[in-house]
Protein backbone atom coordinates (compact mmCIF):
# COMPACT_ATOMS: atom_id res chain seq x y z
CA MET A 1 -11.50 66.85 -42.11
CA LYS A 2 -10.80 67.62 -38.46
CA LYS A 3 -8.31 65.24 -36.87
CA ARG A 4 -9.84 63.22 -34.07
CA LYS A 5 -8.20 63.81 -30.71
CA LYS A 6 -6.50 60.76 -29.26
CA ILE A 7 -7.95 59.73 -25.91
CA GLU A 8 -5.33 58.51 -23.45
CA ARG A 9 -6.66 55.72 -21.30
CA LYS A 10 -5.07 54.57 -18.09
CA ILE A 11 -5.47 51.28 -16.24
CA GLU A 12 -4.22 50.78 -12.68
CA PHE A 13 -4.52 48.03 -10.10
CA ARG A 14 -3.79 47.56 -6.40
CA TRP A 15 -3.63 44.43 -4.21
CA GLN A 16 -4.11 44.54 -0.44
CA ASN A 17 -3.48 41.64 1.95
CA PHE A 18 -2.47 39.42 -0.95
CA ARG A 19 0.44 37.07 -0.24
CA ALA A 20 3.49 39.12 0.81
CA PHE A 21 1.81 42.45 -0.01
CA LYS A 22 0.02 44.31 2.74
CA ASN A 23 -0.53 47.02 0.15
CA SER A 24 1.08 46.98 -3.29
CA GLY A 25 0.13 50.59 -3.96
CA TRP A 26 -1.31 51.56 -7.33
CA ILE A 27 0.45 49.97 -10.31
CA GLU A 28 -0.09 51.85 -13.56
CA LEU A 29 0.04 49.76 -16.71
CA LYS A 30 1.91 51.10 -19.72
CA PRO A 31 2.37 49.51 -23.14
CA LEU A 32 5.61 48.09 -21.69
CA THR A 33 5.38 47.38 -17.95
CA ILE A 34 8.40 45.72 -16.35
CA PHE A 35 8.80 44.09 -12.94
CA ILE A 36 12.31 43.56 -11.63
CA GLY A 37 13.71 42.60 -8.24
CA PRO A 38 15.46 39.89 -6.25
CA ASN A 39 14.07 36.37 -5.97
CA ALA A 40 11.17 36.02 -3.50
CA SER A 41 10.56 39.77 -3.59
CA GLY A 42 6.98 39.53 -4.90
CA LYS A 43 7.24 39.92 -8.68
CA THR A 44 5.11 36.83 -9.32
CA SER A 45 2.65 37.88 -6.61
CA LEU A 46 2.03 41.12 -8.50
CA LEU A 47 1.19 39.18 -11.66
CA GLN A 48 -0.80 36.36 -10.13
CA PRO A 49 -4.16 38.08 -9.41
CA LEU A 50 -4.41 39.20 -13.04
CA ILE A 51 -3.97 35.60 -14.18
CA ILE A 52 -6.41 34.31 -11.54
CA PHE A 53 -9.08 36.80 -12.63
CA ASN A 54 -8.41 35.92 -16.27
CA GLN A 55 -8.90 32.18 -15.76
CA THR A 56 -11.95 32.87 -13.56
CA ILE A 57 -13.74 34.97 -16.15
CA LYS A 58 -13.12 32.25 -18.75
CA SER A 59 -14.60 29.56 -16.50
CA ALA A 60 -17.97 28.14 -17.48
CA ASP A 61 -18.97 27.89 -13.81
CA SER A 62 -20.19 31.41 -13.07
CA THR A 63 -20.86 30.55 -9.42
CA LEU A 64 -17.10 30.46 -8.72
CA PRO A 65 -16.04 33.86 -7.36
CA LEU A 66 -12.34 33.13 -7.94
CA LEU A 67 -10.83 30.15 -9.74
CA THR A 68 -7.45 29.84 -8.02
CA ASN A 69 -6.48 26.48 -9.48
CA SER A 70 -6.58 25.99 -13.24
CA ASN A 71 -4.40 25.56 -16.33
CA TYR A 72 -2.75 28.97 -16.05
CA VAL A 73 -1.90 29.12 -12.37
CA ASP A 74 -2.38 27.04 -9.23
CA ALA A 75 -2.43 29.62 -6.45
CA GLY A 76 -3.61 27.26 -3.72
CA THR A 77 -6.35 27.87 -1.16
CA PHE A 78 -7.51 31.11 0.41
CA HIS A 79 -5.16 30.40 3.31
CA ASP A 80 -2.28 30.41 0.81
CA LEU A 81 -3.40 33.71 -0.71
CA ILE A 82 -3.97 35.91 2.29
CA HIS A 83 -1.19 38.04 3.76
CA ASN A 84 0.58 36.32 6.67
CA HIS A 85 -1.99 33.49 6.41
CA LEU A 86 -4.35 35.41 8.66
CA ASN A 87 -7.47 33.63 9.83
CA ASN A 88 -10.72 35.54 9.18
CA GLY A 89 -8.78 38.04 7.07
CA LYS A 90 -9.86 39.81 3.89
CA ILE A 91 -8.17 40.32 0.53
CA HIS A 92 -8.87 43.45 -1.51
CA PHE A 93 -8.38 43.81 -5.26
CA SER A 94 -8.93 47.21 -6.88
CA PHE A 95 -8.92 48.44 -10.49
CA LYS A 96 -9.11 51.96 -11.91
CA PHE A 97 -10.06 52.89 -15.47
CA THR A 98 -9.57 56.57 -16.33
CA THR A 99 -9.05 58.82 -19.32
CA LYS A 100 -6.71 61.78 -19.19
CA ASP A 101 -9.10 64.03 -21.12
CA MET A 102 -11.74 64.04 -18.38
CA LYS A 103 -12.91 67.56 -17.52
CA LEU A 104 -13.88 67.28 -13.90
CA LYS A 105 -15.27 69.74 -11.42
CA LYS A 106 -16.06 69.02 -7.80
CA ASN A 107 -19.63 70.22 -8.28
CA ASN A 108 -20.29 67.71 -11.06
CA LYS A 109 -23.45 65.79 -10.33
CA ILE A 110 -23.20 62.09 -9.68
CA GLY A 111 -23.83 60.27 -12.91
CA ASN A 112 -22.16 62.89 -15.11
CA ILE A 113 -18.73 61.36 -14.48
CA PRO A 114 -18.13 57.80 -15.74
CA PRO A 115 -17.50 55.10 -13.15
CA CYS A 116 -13.80 54.80 -12.52
CA LYS A 117 -12.84 52.46 -9.70
CA VAL A 118 -14.05 48.99 -8.75
CA SER A 119 -13.00 47.26 -5.53
CA LEU A 120 -13.53 43.57 -4.82
CA THR A 121 -13.17 42.13 -1.32
CA PHE A 122 -12.93 38.41 -0.60
CA SER A 123 -13.03 36.42 2.61
CA GLN A 124 -12.75 32.72 3.39
CA LYS A 125 -15.52 30.18 3.03
CA GLN A 126 -14.45 26.58 3.62
CA ASN A 127 -10.91 27.65 2.66
CA SER A 128 -12.13 29.02 -0.66
CA PRO A 129 -12.60 32.69 -1.60
CA GLN A 130 -16.07 34.23 -1.40
CA LEU A 131 -16.99 37.70 -2.64
CA ILE A 132 -18.18 39.78 0.32
CA SER A 133 -18.03 43.31 -1.10
CA PHE A 134 -18.35 44.90 -4.55
CA ILE A 135 -17.85 48.69 -4.70
CA ILE A 136 -17.91 51.14 -7.62
CA GLU A 137 -16.74 54.74 -7.29
CA ASP A 138 -16.36 57.64 -9.72
CA TYR A 139 -13.22 59.65 -10.51
CA LEU A 140 -13.71 61.89 -7.48
CA GLY A 141 -13.93 58.90 -5.14
CA ARG A 142 -17.67 59.20 -4.62
CA LEU A 143 -19.62 56.01 -3.97
CA LEU A 144 -21.87 54.88 -6.80
CA ILE A 145 -22.73 51.29 -5.86
CA LYS A 146 -21.90 49.03 -2.94
CA ARG A 147 -23.09 45.43 -2.73
CA THR A 148 -22.29 43.64 0.54
CA LEU A 149 -22.85 39.99 1.42
CA ASN A 150 -25.18 39.65 4.43
CA LYS A 151 -25.87 36.79 6.82
CA ARG A 152 -28.82 35.60 4.74
CA GLY A 153 -26.56 34.98 1.78
CA ASN A 154 -27.90 37.91 -0.27
CA TYR A 155 -26.12 41.10 -1.23
CA SER A 156 -27.47 44.28 0.30
CA ILE A 157 -27.28 47.43 -1.79
CA LYS A 158 -26.18 50.99 -1.18
CA PHE A 159 -26.61 53.30 -4.14
CA CYS A 160 -25.65 56.91 -4.72
CA LYS A 161 -29.27 57.70 -5.51
CA PRO A 162 -31.15 55.80 -2.81
CA PHE A 163 -33.84 53.44 -3.93
CA HIS A 164 -36.30 54.98 -1.46
CA GLN A 165 -36.81 57.53 -4.26
CA ARG A 166 -38.00 54.80 -6.57
CA THR A 167 -41.51 54.77 -7.94
CA ALA A 168 -43.98 51.91 -7.80
CA ARG A 169 -42.76 50.63 -11.13
CA ASP A 170 -39.31 49.94 -9.58
CA ARG A 171 -40.49 47.60 -6.85
CA ARG A 172 -40.28 44.37 -8.76
CA LEU A 173 -36.95 45.35 -10.29
CA TYR A 174 -35.58 46.36 -6.89
CA LYS A 175 -36.54 42.96 -5.49
CA THR A 176 -34.86 41.27 -8.45
CA ILE A 177 -31.70 43.32 -7.87
CA LEU A 178 -31.58 42.36 -4.18
CA GLU A 179 -31.82 38.68 -5.11
CA GLN A 180 -29.22 38.95 -7.85
CA LYS A 181 -26.07 36.87 -7.42
CA PRO A 182 -22.75 37.88 -8.95
CA ARG A 183 -21.45 36.09 -11.99
CA HIS A 184 -18.00 35.10 -10.79
CA PHE A 185 -16.95 38.37 -9.10
CA LEU A 186 -19.10 40.79 -11.11
CA PHE A 187 -22.60 42.14 -10.82
CA ASP A 188 -23.89 43.04 -14.27
CA ASP A 189 -26.91 44.51 -16.03
CA SER A 190 -28.28 41.18 -17.26
CA ILE A 191 -31.44 41.81 -15.24
CA ILE A 192 -32.40 44.36 -17.93
CA SER A 193 -32.81 41.66 -20.55
CA ASP A 194 -34.49 39.38 -18.01
CA GLU A 195 -37.08 42.02 -17.15
CA LEU A 196 -37.64 42.98 -20.77
CA ALA A 197 -38.08 39.36 -21.77
CA LEU A 198 -40.66 38.88 -19.03
CA LEU A 199 -42.64 41.95 -20.03
CA ILE A 200 -42.57 41.13 -23.73
CA SER A 201 -43.51 37.48 -23.14
CA ASN A 202 -46.50 38.67 -21.10
CA LYS A 203 -47.33 41.12 -23.89
CA LYS A 204 -47.38 43.97 -21.42
CA ALA A 205 -45.04 46.15 -23.44
CA LYS A 206 -43.27 46.40 -26.73
CA SER A 207 -39.49 46.34 -26.62
CA GLU A 208 -39.14 50.03 -27.54
CA THR A 209 -41.31 51.15 -24.63
CA ALA A 210 -40.35 48.56 -22.02
CA ILE A 211 -37.44 50.51 -20.58
CA ARG A 212 -39.66 53.51 -19.90
CA LEU A 213 -42.19 51.27 -18.21
CA ILE A 214 -39.90 49.50 -15.76
CA PHE A 215 -36.96 51.85 -15.11
CA SER A 216 -36.88 55.14 -13.27
CA GLY A 217 -33.91 57.48 -13.56
CA ALA A 218 -32.29 55.96 -10.46
CA CYS A 219 -32.64 52.41 -11.75
CA GLY A 220 -31.35 53.42 -15.15
CA LEU A 221 -28.26 55.01 -13.62
CA TYR A 222 -27.67 51.94 -11.45
CA LEU A 223 -27.81 49.58 -14.41
CA ARG A 224 -25.68 51.82 -16.66
CA THR A 225 -23.03 51.98 -13.94
CA LEU A 226 -22.94 48.21 -13.59
CA GLY A 227 -22.87 47.70 -17.35
CA TYR A 228 -20.01 50.16 -17.83
CA ILE A 229 -17.77 48.62 -15.16
CA GLU A 230 -18.60 45.07 -16.23
CA MET A 231 -17.64 45.97 -19.81
CA LYS A 232 -14.38 47.67 -18.77
CA LEU A 233 -13.20 45.01 -16.35
CA SER A 234 -14.24 41.94 -18.32
CA ARG A 235 -12.77 43.35 -21.54
CA PHE A 236 -9.47 44.09 -19.79
CA LEU A 237 -9.22 40.71 -18.06
CA SER A 238 -10.25 38.80 -21.18
CA SER A 239 -7.48 40.50 -23.16
CA ILE A 240 -4.77 38.89 -21.01
CA ARG A 241 -2.55 36.25 -22.59
CA TYR A 242 -0.16 34.52 -20.20
CA ILE A 243 3.13 32.75 -20.93
CA GLY A 244 4.81 31.25 -17.88
CA PRO A 245 8.53 30.93 -17.14
CA LEU A 246 8.67 27.21 -17.99
CA ARG A 247 7.90 26.45 -21.62
CA GLU A 248 7.66 22.92 -22.96
CA SER A 249 10.79 21.22 -24.31
CA PRO A 250 10.93 20.69 -28.08
CA LYS A 251 9.43 17.45 -29.40
CA ARG A 252 10.09 15.62 -32.62
CA TYR A 253 6.38 15.48 -33.46
CA TYR A 254 3.25 17.12 -32.07
CA GLU A 255 -0.26 15.73 -32.01
CA PHE A 256 -2.64 17.46 -34.44
CA ARG A 257 -6.23 17.73 -33.22
CA GLY A 258 -7.63 20.11 -35.81
CA GLU A 259 -8.14 22.74 -33.13
CA ARG A 260 -7.77 26.48 -33.59
CA PRO A 261 -6.62 27.74 -30.18
CA LEU A 262 -6.71 31.45 -29.38
CA GLU A 263 -3.45 31.50 -27.46
CA VAL A 264 -0.26 29.48 -27.05
CA GLY A 265 -0.96 28.49 -23.45
CA SER A 266 1.02 29.12 -20.29
CA ARG A 267 3.65 26.52 -21.28
CA GLY A 268 3.47 27.17 -25.01
CA GLU A 269 1.67 23.86 -25.48
CA TYR A 270 -0.53 25.13 -28.34
CA THR A 271 2.31 26.76 -30.28
CA PRO A 272 2.63 23.93 -32.88
CA SER A 273 -1.10 24.06 -33.69
CA LEU A 274 -0.93 27.84 -34.08
CA LEU A 275 2.16 27.60 -36.26
CA PHE A 276 0.27 25.24 -38.54
CA ARG A 277 -2.66 27.66 -38.72
CA MET A 278 -0.39 30.65 -39.34
CA LYS A 279 0.33 29.33 -42.83
CA GLU A 280 -3.08 30.73 -43.77
CA SER A 281 -1.76 34.28 -43.23
CA LYS A 282 1.14 35.43 -45.40
CA LYS A 283 1.65 38.50 -43.21
CA GLN A 284 1.89 36.48 -40.00
CA SER A 285 4.21 33.91 -41.58
CA GLU A 286 6.54 36.60 -42.89
CA LEU A 287 6.60 38.38 -39.53
CA LEU A 288 7.34 35.12 -37.73
CA ASN A 289 10.27 34.28 -39.99
CA TYR A 290 11.58 37.86 -39.80
CA TRP A 291 11.89 37.70 -36.03
CA ILE A 292 13.29 34.17 -35.94
CA LYS A 293 16.00 35.35 -38.34
CA HIS A 294 16.50 38.62 -36.44
CA PHE A 295 17.17 36.65 -33.26
CA GLY A 296 19.68 34.58 -35.22
CA LEU A 297 17.89 31.34 -34.39
CA ALA A 298 17.00 30.18 -37.90
CA LYS A 299 16.24 31.38 -41.40
CA ASN A 300 12.66 30.17 -41.21
CA ILE A 301 10.38 27.56 -39.70
CA THR A 302 7.75 25.47 -41.44
CA SER A 303 5.04 23.17 -40.13
CA LYS A 304 4.09 20.05 -42.01
CA LEU A 305 1.16 17.76 -41.34
CA ILE A 306 1.78 14.03 -41.42
CA ALA A 307 -1.85 13.25 -42.17
CA LYS A 308 -1.52 9.48 -41.84
CA HIS A 309 -0.52 9.79 -38.19
CA ALA A 310 -2.22 13.15 -37.43
CA LEU A 311 1.10 14.66 -36.37
CA ILE A 312 2.70 18.07 -36.89
CA ASP A 313 6.35 18.13 -37.90
CA LEU A 314 8.17 21.42 -37.26
CA GLN A 315 11.11 21.90 -39.60
CA VAL A 316 13.71 24.62 -39.11
CA LYS A 317 16.13 25.90 -41.74
CA PRO A 318 19.36 26.95 -39.98
CA ILE A 319 21.02 30.17 -41.10
CA GLY A 320 23.74 29.51 -43.69
CA ARG A 321 22.67 25.92 -44.39
CA PRO A 322 20.72 24.59 -47.39
CA PHE A 323 18.73 21.92 -45.53
CA GLU A 324 16.03 21.71 -42.89
CA VAL A 325 16.21 19.98 -39.52
CA ASN A 326 13.60 18.97 -36.98
CA ILE A 327 13.07 21.49 -34.22
CA ALA A 328 14.13 18.86 -31.66
CA ASP A 329 17.60 18.97 -33.23
CA THR A 330 18.03 22.72 -32.81
CA GLY A 331 19.09 24.78 -29.82
CA PHE A 332 16.81 24.88 -26.79
CA GLY A 333 16.44 28.66 -27.06
CA LEU A 334 14.25 28.51 -30.18
CA SER A 335 11.60 26.33 -28.55
CA GLN A 336 11.54 28.63 -25.51
CA LEU A 337 11.23 31.83 -27.54
CA LEU A 338 8.74 30.58 -30.13
CA PRO A 339 5.64 30.74 -27.88
CA LEU A 340 6.30 34.42 -27.12
CA ILE A 341 6.84 35.35 -30.77
CA VAL A 342 3.79 33.40 -31.96
CA GLN A 343 1.51 34.74 -29.22
CA THR A 344 2.52 38.32 -29.94
CA ILE A 345 1.99 37.96 -33.69
CA ILE A 346 -1.47 36.39 -33.43
CA ALA A 347 -2.63 38.74 -30.65
CA LYS A 348 -5.35 41.29 -31.31
CA ASP A 349 -4.86 45.02 -30.95
CA GLY A 350 -4.83 45.91 -27.27
CA ASP A 351 -4.11 42.41 -26.01
CA LEU A 352 -2.03 42.34 -22.83
CA ILE A 353 0.67 39.67 -22.94
CA ILE A 354 2.11 38.68 -19.57
CA THR A 355 5.40 36.81 -19.72
CA GLU A 356 7.70 35.67 -16.97
CA GLN A 357 11.44 35.48 -17.55
CA PRO A 358 11.33 35.56 -21.36
CA GLU A 359 15.14 35.54 -21.32
CA ILE A 360 15.40 31.95 -20.05
CA HIS A 361 17.86 29.90 -22.15
CA LEU A 362 18.86 32.95 -24.21
CA ASN A 363 22.38 34.29 -24.45
CA PRO A 364 23.07 38.00 -23.67
CA LYS A 365 22.87 39.00 -27.34
CA LEU A 366 19.40 37.51 -27.68
CA GLU A 367 18.33 39.17 -24.44
CA THR A 368 19.06 42.53 -26.04
CA CYS A 369 17.07 41.44 -29.12
CA LEU A 370 14.11 40.85 -26.80
CA ALA A 371 13.99 44.56 -26.04
CA GLU A 372 13.90 45.33 -29.77
CA PHE A 373 11.13 42.78 -30.26
CA PHE A 374 8.90 44.22 -27.52
CA VAL A 375 9.44 47.81 -28.65
CA SER A 376 8.58 46.89 -32.24
CA MET A 377 5.42 45.03 -31.21
CA ILE A 378 4.21 47.96 -29.12
CA LYS A 379 3.93 49.85 -32.39
CA GLU A 380 1.56 47.07 -33.49
CA LYS A 381 -0.69 47.95 -30.51
CA ARG A 382 0.40 45.04 -28.32
CA LYS A 383 0.90 45.56 -24.59
CA PHE A 384 3.21 43.67 -22.27
CA ILE A 385 3.87 42.95 -18.62
CA ILE A 386 7.34 41.47 -18.31
CA GLU A 387 8.91 39.94 -15.23
CA THR A 388 12.65 39.76 -15.82
CA HIS A 389 16.07 39.35 -14.24
CA SER A 390 17.91 40.41 -17.40
CA GLU A 391 20.19 43.40 -17.10
CA HIS A 392 21.01 43.09 -20.82
CA PHE A 393 17.32 43.55 -21.63
CA ILE A 394 17.08 46.68 -19.45
CA LEU A 395 20.31 48.16 -20.85
CA ARG A 396 19.12 47.69 -24.43
CA LEU A 397 15.73 49.20 -23.57
CA ARG A 398 17.48 52.29 -22.20
CA SER A 399 19.37 52.62 -25.49
CA LEU A 400 16.16 52.33 -27.50
CA ILE A 401 14.56 55.05 -25.39
CA LYS A 402 17.55 57.33 -25.91
CA LYS A 403 17.48 56.58 -29.62
CA GLY A 404 13.81 57.61 -29.76
CA ASP A 405 12.43 54.21 -30.79
CA ILE A 406 10.10 54.25 -27.78
CA SER A 407 8.90 57.06 -25.55
CA PRO A 408 9.62 56.83 -21.81
CA GLU A 409 5.90 57.59 -21.40
CA ASP A 410 5.21 54.11 -22.79
CA VAL A 411 7.43 52.38 -20.22
CA ALA A 412 6.85 51.67 -16.53
CA ILE A 413 9.52 49.92 -14.45
CA TYR A 414 8.66 48.62 -10.98
CA PHE A 415 11.12 47.24 -8.46
CA THR A 416 9.92 44.81 -5.81
CA GLU A 417 11.79 44.40 -2.55
CA LYS A 418 11.25 42.57 0.72
CA ILE A 419 11.40 44.86 3.75
CA GLY A 420 10.81 43.10 7.05
CA ASN A 421 7.71 40.90 6.77
CA GLU A 422 6.27 42.83 3.84
CA ASN A 423 7.07 43.25 0.17
CA LYS A 424 7.13 46.74 -1.30
CA VAL A 425 6.84 48.06 -4.83
CA PHE A 426 8.71 51.13 -6.09
CA ARG A 427 8.22 52.91 -9.41
CA ILE A 428 11.50 53.76 -11.15
CA ILE A 429 11.29 56.82 -13.39
CA ILE A 430 13.20 56.79 -16.66
CA ASP A 431 13.67 59.88 -18.86
CA LYS A 432 14.03 60.43 -22.62
CA ASN A 433 17.78 59.85 -22.38
CA GLY A 434 17.30 56.44 -20.84
CA GLU A 435 18.60 57.75 -17.52
CA PHE A 436 17.14 57.51 -14.02
CA PRO A 437 16.77 61.17 -12.97
CA ASN A 438 15.79 60.32 -9.39
CA ASN A 439 18.90 58.15 -8.93
CA ASP A 440 16.64 55.43 -7.52
CA TRP A 441 17.86 52.49 -9.57
CA PRO A 442 18.23 49.53 -7.16
CA LYS A 443 21.78 48.77 -6.14
CA GLY A 444 23.10 45.43 -7.30
CA PHE A 445 21.00 44.98 -10.46
CA PHE A 446 23.74 46.10 -12.85
CA GLU A 447 26.65 46.20 -10.48
CA GLU A 448 27.02 42.47 -9.86
CA ALA A 449 27.90 41.60 -13.45
CA MET A 450 30.19 44.62 -13.77
CA ALA A 451 31.97 43.82 -10.51
CA GLU A 452 32.47 40.21 -11.56
CA SER A 453 33.98 41.31 -14.89
CA LEU A 454 36.41 43.65 -13.10
CA ARG A 455 37.26 40.94 -10.59
CA PHE A 456 38.07 38.49 -13.40
CA ALA A 457 40.15 41.08 -15.28
CA THR A 458 42.30 41.88 -12.24
CA MET A 459 42.91 38.32 -11.10
CA LYS A 460 46.55 37.22 -11.22
CA ASN A 461 47.56 33.84 -12.53
CA LYS A 462 48.93 31.64 -9.80
């Protein structure tokens, strides 16, 4: 049987006029994407739009173009989001979805190349974001669809195959398209089902012939383009799982509500409920205890339900001791690391886990174990964006690359830096030996700890 060729997919994003970034440049996501840099250099600002889009697409109110204040992140008003707090300014968010096996020629007809890039532009409306432009382009940068908000409150349309070529059967559909409002920040192909339902209910066509009756080639291409981009972008944004830098402190007991959450939450607040549910999977339970022991935090952890009071009791068995203790009586590091371990284990293939400062409350040895954890989980088809200040994490990652446990092709390191009134992002290349061949590693990231050690060693006793 012929081996199926692996298709390499690439996802990139770019923010313009967002917070301190005039233009972030294109950020390519890898299985392990790392943001480093000084405080207030823009690391969080790079992450924030992804989380905002994620909480928006999960919102039940589809009329909201961007949900900037929710459980995951409170980003403030539009005035807080826009670069330099400009009045009447615009914020641009762009995404690119490509495959490296595309065979492209400049004479390829429009429609033969899959849509590639989507750009979303927002302006201010009563200090809230409103979508004013929605643009789709192909791999060669050619315009496929442009929807622009006009003064009447509708979205005009510019299409690669102008609608003046449409036939009489397109007129009603064209009018429907012009009146279509975005769902959150996306236009989609839902009007297909709406039109089909109308025709079938009126008994004007059977379902298998309805498409031929109402869609010309131009309309079909328009709707396929929308459907493709909507599928790509919504699937990507829905796959995001976010764990913030401040996880909840350990409690002696946790309320049990019988829920089955899909993620641990930005503060790890659903971790106890997920731990209780994980008992149903032997594989997940074994993997959880393996990593807890590997980090040296405990031999295992068990969750017990106190049914009378509807409470969950988390019991931890310390390494080298024959008894269990309540998690509130263990070190703070375990409660801070648990949400990350649990979220990664329960994640689906391809999920993107965003975590800020996972090294908080961990000693240097455990920071190096974090690198081993992430590298191991990448082999389980998990993906990560990590914002970190840990030099121990980076040093261990370099060793794992040199050892061959992870390919440098699966790692992207970005350094953020404030230059004047703007923040800049720089990609740092790392090779198979864990070295930086361009000698562009930022000064001060490793050197501070090394200099302090030398300073301490050379100090004379007074």
